[in-house]
Amino acid sequence: MRNLILGLALSVAFIVGCLVRSLVVPPVRAGTNPPKWEYKCFRENGAADIEKKSNRLGAAGFELVGAAGAHYHPYWCFKRRLP
């Protein structure tokens, strides 16, 4: 009985979530122009080099969107909106 109630509650929550999503998130309109982005990624070893490049890109309007990779050779990725 407990499993039946739990399954029913989860099903109702899923359905309500699907219905609410359509009310909260507006659909994409045909003919609109989604934003376009420019990306810059680099790979550096030293913290001083990373800081210099990051400050230079930040001054140019870029923002950090991701950093990943090995401990000694991470990739740093930035983006900015194109006009």
C-alpha atoms as a PDB file:
ATOM      1  CA  MET A   1       0.000   0.000   0.000  1.00  0.00           C
ATOM      2  CA  ARG A   2       2.836   2.367   0.906  1.00  0.00           C
ATOM      3  CA  ASN A   3       4.561   1.759  -2.461  1.00  0.00           C
ATOM      4  CA  LEU A   4       1.294   2.422  -4.296  1.00  0.00           C
ATOM      5  CA  ILE A   5       0.829   5.769  -2.546  1.00  0.00           C
ATOM      6  CA  LEU A   6       4.465   6.724  -3.185  1.00  0.00           C
ATOM      7  CA  GLY A   7       4.165   5.819  -6.891  1.00  0.00           C
ATOM      8  CA  LEU A   8       0.930   7.766  -7.215  1.00  0.00           C
ATOM      9  CA  ALA A   9       2.448  10.809  -5.482  1.00  0.00           C
ATOM     10  CA  LEU A  10       5.470  10.756  -7.793  1.00  0.00           C
ATOM     11  CA  SER A  11       3.247  10.436 -10.860  1.00  0.00           C
ATOM     12  CA  VAL A  12       1.108  13.389  -9.779  1.00  0.00           C
ATOM     13  CA  ALA A  13       4.240  15.471  -9.058  1.00  0.00           C
ATOM     14  CA  PHE A  14       5.616  14.663 -12.513  1.00  0.00           C
ATOM     15  CA  ILE A  15       2.387  15.657 -14.262  1.00  0.00           C
ATOM     16  CA  VAL A  16       2.061  18.879 -12.261  1.00  0.00           C
ATOM     17  CA  GLY A  17       5.711  19.708 -13.052  1.00  0.00           C
ATOM     18  CA  CYS A  18       5.105  19.241 -16.765  1.00  0.00           C
ATOM     19  CA  LEU A  19       2.036  21.476 -16.671  1.00  0.00           C
ATOM     20  CA  VAL A  20       3.692  24.216 -14.613  1.00  0.00           C
ATOM     21  CA  ARG A  21       6.736  24.255 -16.917  1.00  0.00           C
ATOM     22  CA  SER A  22       4.575  25.311 -19.851  1.00  0.00           C
ATOM     23  CA  LEU A  23       3.223  28.220 -17.787  1.00  0.00           C
ATOM     24  CA  VAL A  24       6.589  29.390 -16.418  1.00  0.00           C
ATOM     25  CA  VAL A  25       8.922  28.969 -19.407  1.00  0.00           C
ATOM     26  CA  PRO A  26       7.628  30.801 -22.487  1.00  0.00           C
ATOM     27  CA  PRO A  27       7.923  28.959 -25.788  1.00  0.00           C
ATOM     28  CA  VAL A  28      10.471  30.099 -28.348  1.00  0.00           C
ATOM     29  CA  ARG A  29       8.876  32.382 -30.867  1.00  0.00           C
ATOM     30  CA  ALA A  30       9.444  31.809 -34.567  1.00  0.00           C
ATOM     31  CA  GLY A  31      11.364  34.628 -36.201  1.00  0.00           C
ATOM     32  CA  THR A  32      13.292  35.677 -33.103  1.00  0.00           C
ATOM     33  CA  ASN A  33      17.050  35.904 -33.211  1.00  0.00           C
ATOM     34  CA  PRO A  34      18.759  33.981 -30.417  1.00  0.00           C
ATOM     35  CA  PRO A  35      21.953  35.575 -29.112  1.00  0.00           C
ATOM     36  CA  LYS A  36      25.201  34.706 -30.857  1.00  0.00           C
ATOM     37  CA  TRP A  37      28.390  34.184 -28.862  1.00  0.00           C
ATOM     38  CA  GLU A  38      32.107  34.447 -29.491  1.00  0.00           C
ATOM     39  CA  TYR A  39      34.354  32.068 -27.577  1.00  0.00           C
ATOM     40  CA  LYS A  40      38.031  32.173 -26.602  1.00  0.00           C
ATOM     41  CA  CYS A  41      39.785  29.243 -24.964  1.00  0.00           C
ATOM     42  CA  PHE A  42      43.390  28.934 -23.883  1.00  0.00           C
ATOM     43  CA  ARG A  43      45.643  26.580 -21.968  1.00  0.00           C
ATOM     44  CA  GLU A  44      48.225  27.891 -19.496  1.00  0.00           C
ATOM     45  CA  ASN A  45      50.535  26.545 -16.817  1.00  0.00           C
ATOM     46  CA  GLY A  46      51.362  29.509 -14.607  1.00  0.00           C
ATOM     47  CA  ALA A  47      48.896  31.371 -12.417  1.00  0.00           C
ATOM     48  CA  ALA A  48      50.382  34.734 -13.449  1.00  0.00           C
ATOM     49  CA  ASP A  49      49.763  33.988 -17.141  1.00  0.00           C
ATOM     50  CA  ILE A  50      46.210  32.847 -16.441  1.00  0.00           C
ATOM     51  CA  GLU A  51      45.522  36.013 -14.463  1.00  0.00           C
ATOM     52  CA  LYS A  52      46.929  38.289 -17.195  1.00  0.00           C
ATOM     53  CA  LYS A  53      44.969  36.614 -19.987  1.00  0.00           C
ATOM     54  CA  SER A  54      41.786  36.458 -17.899  1.00  0.00           C
ATOM     55  CA  ASN A  55      42.012  40.169 -17.038  1.00  0.00           C
ATOM     56  CA  ARG A  56      42.662  41.050 -20.680  1.00  0.00           C
ATOM     57  CA  LEU A  57      39.660  39.015 -21.850  1.00  0.00           C
ATOM     58  CA  GLY A  58      37.467  40.453 -19.074  1.00  0.00           C
ATOM     59  CA  ALA A  59      38.376  43.987 -20.136  1.00  0.00           C
ATOM     60  CA  ALA A  60      37.354  43.029 -23.690  1.00  0.00           C
ATOM     61  CA  GLY A  61      33.891  41.958 -22.486  1.00  0.00           C
ATOM     62  CA  PHE A  62      34.443  38.217 -22.093  1.00  0.00           C
ATOM     63  CA  GLU A  63      33.287  36.197 -19.084  1.00  0.00           C
ATOM     64  CA  LEU A  64      34.590  32.876 -17.831  1.00  0.00           C
ATOM     65  CA  VAL A  65      32.238  30.025 -18.715  1.00  0.00           C
ATOM     66  CA  GLY A  66      34.361  26.993 -17.943  1.00  0.00           C
ATOM     67  CA  ALA A  67      37.673  25.580 -16.839  1.00  0.00           C
ATOM     68  CA  ALA A  68      38.520  21.917 -17.223  1.00  0.00           C
ATOM     69  CA  GLY A  69      41.384  19.567 -17.789  1.00  0.00           C
ATOM     70  CA  ALA A  70      44.359  18.097 -16.059  1.00  0.00           C
ATOM     71  CA  HIS A  71      45.740  19.753 -12.928  1.00  0.00           C
ATOM     72  CA  TYR A  72      48.832  21.162 -14.654  1.00  0.00           C
ATOM     73  CA  HIS A  73      47.304  21.999 -18.046  1.00  0.00           C
ATOM     74  CA  PRO A  74      43.715  23.220 -17.648  1.00  0.00           C
ATOM     75  CA  TYR A  75      41.709  24.838 -20.434  1.00  0.00           C
ATOM     76  CA  TRP A  76      40.050  28.176 -19.669  1.00  0.00           C
ATOM     77  CA  CYS A  77      37.063  29.160 -21.838  1.00  0.00           C
ATOM     78  CA  PHE A  78      35.450  32.585 -22.062  1.00  0.00           C
ATOM     79  CA  LYS A  79      32.527  33.954 -24.061  1.00  0.00           C
ATOM     80  CA  ARG A  80      30.989  37.296 -25.003  1.00  0.00           C
ATOM     81  CA  ARG A  81      27.862  38.222 -26.862  1.00  0.00           C
ATOM     82  CA  LEU A  82      28.282  39.291 -30.452  1.00  0.00           C
ATOM     83  CA  PRO A  83      26.596  42.551 -31.489  1.00  0.00           C
END
